[in-house]
Amino acid sequence: MPRDELVRHAGEFFGWRRMGRDMRSFLDSHIDELHRRGRLREADGHMTAVG
């Protein structure tokens, strides 16, 4: 799914109805960490879970 959609779904998972800049930054940093650890793959603007 596109990164923006992943962020939106993650926010919904945590029960966040509104996504402020701080929350977006929080989720983006965690997505980046999962990508660095090889748990997410990004290709053609889409994020895919690995393993």
C-alpha atoms as a PDB file:
ATOM      1  CA  MET A   1       0.000   0.000   0.000  1.00  0.00           C
ATOM      2  CA  PRO A   2       1.176   3.571  -0.435  1.00  0.00           C
ATOM      3  CA  ARG A   3       3.053   5.006   2.553  1.00  0.00           C
ATOM      4  CA  ASP A   4       0.333   7.618   3.232  1.00  0.00           C
ATOM      5  CA  GLU A   5      -2.264   4.863   3.434  1.00  0.00           C
ATOM      6  CA  LEU A   6      -0.051   2.850   5.795  1.00  0.00           C
ATOM      7  CA  VAL A   7       0.297   5.882   8.074  1.00  0.00           C
ATOM      8  CA  ARG A   8      -3.473   6.427   8.010  1.00  0.00           C
ATOM      9  CA  HIS A   9      -4.206   2.788   8.871  1.00  0.00           C
ATOM     10  CA  ALA A  10      -1.632   2.803  11.665  1.00  0.00           C
ATOM     11  CA  GLY A  11      -3.225   5.923  13.138  1.00  0.00           C
ATOM     12  CA  GLU A  12      -6.645   4.290  12.971  1.00  0.00           C
ATOM     13  CA  PHE A  13      -5.227   1.203  14.692  1.00  0.00           C
ATOM     14  CA  PHE A  14      -4.158   3.384  17.629  1.00  0.00           C
ATOM     15  CA  GLY A  15      -7.562   5.082  17.682  1.00  0.00           C
ATOM     16  CA  TRP A  16      -6.294   8.450  16.474  1.00  0.00           C
ATOM     17  CA  ARG A  17      -9.156  10.179  14.711  1.00  0.00           C
ATOM     18  CA  ARG A  18      -7.065  13.165  13.678  1.00  0.00           C
ATOM     19  CA  MET A  19      -3.489  13.022  12.420  1.00  0.00           C
ATOM     20  CA  GLY A  20      -1.451  16.005  13.571  1.00  0.00           C
ATOM     21  CA  ARG A  21       2.099  16.752  12.532  1.00  0.00           C
ATOM     22  CA  ASP A  22       3.571  15.147  15.680  1.00  0.00           C
ATOM     23  CA  MET A  23       1.611  11.932  15.224  1.00  0.00           C
ATOM     24  CA  ARG A  24       2.535  11.775  11.538  1.00  0.00           C
ATOM     25  CA  SER A  25       6.209  12.283  12.425  1.00  0.00           C
ATOM     26  CA  PHE A  26       5.979   9.555  15.096  1.00  0.00           C
ATOM     27  CA  LEU A  27       4.562   7.035  12.640  1.00  0.00           C
ATOM     28  CA  ASP A  28       6.933   8.040   9.835  1.00  0.00           C
ATOM     29  CA  SER A  29       9.961   7.506  12.075  1.00  0.00           C
ATOM     30  CA  HIS A  30       8.738   4.046  13.056  1.00  0.00           C
ATOM     31  CA  ILE A  31       8.036   3.127   9.444  1.00  0.00           C
ATOM     32  CA  ASP A  32      11.556   4.280   8.548  1.00  0.00           C
ATOM     33  CA  GLU A  33      12.966   2.086  11.328  1.00  0.00           C
ATOM     34  CA  LEU A  34      11.019  -0.956  10.102  1.00  0.00           C
ATOM     35  CA  HIS A  35      12.332  -0.271   6.605  1.00  0.00           C
ATOM     36  CA  ARG A  36      15.949  -0.049   7.884  1.00  0.00           C
ATOM     37  CA  ARG A  37      15.505  -3.347   9.741  1.00  0.00           C
ATOM     38  CA  GLY A  38      14.214  -5.034   6.605  1.00  0.00           C
ATOM     39  CA  ARG A  39      10.690  -5.558   7.955  1.00  0.00           C
ATOM     40  CA  LEU A  40       9.172  -3.293   5.283  1.00  0.00           C
ATOM     41  CA  ARG A  41      10.102  -3.015   1.641  1.00  0.00           C
ATOM     42  CA  GLU A  42       9.338   0.032  -0.483  1.00  0.00           C
ATOM     43  CA  ALA A  43       9.048  -0.214  -4.259  1.00  0.00           C
ATOM     44  CA  ASP A  44       7.201   1.942  -6.742  1.00  0.00           C
ATOM     45  CA  GLY A  45       5.770   4.079  -3.937  1.00  0.00           C
ATOM     46  CA  HIS A  46       4.256   1.106  -2.105  1.00  0.00           C
ATOM     47  CA  MET A  47       5.203  -0.421   1.233  1.00  0.00           C
ATOM     48  CA  THR A  48       5.141  -4.193   1.671  1.00  0.00           C
ATOM     49  CA  ALA A  49       5.636  -6.192   4.871  1.00  0.00           C
ATOM     50  CA  VAL A  50       8.513  -8.657   4.793  1.00  0.00           C
ATOM     51  CA  GLY A  51       8.562 -11.941   6.651  1.00  0.00           C
END
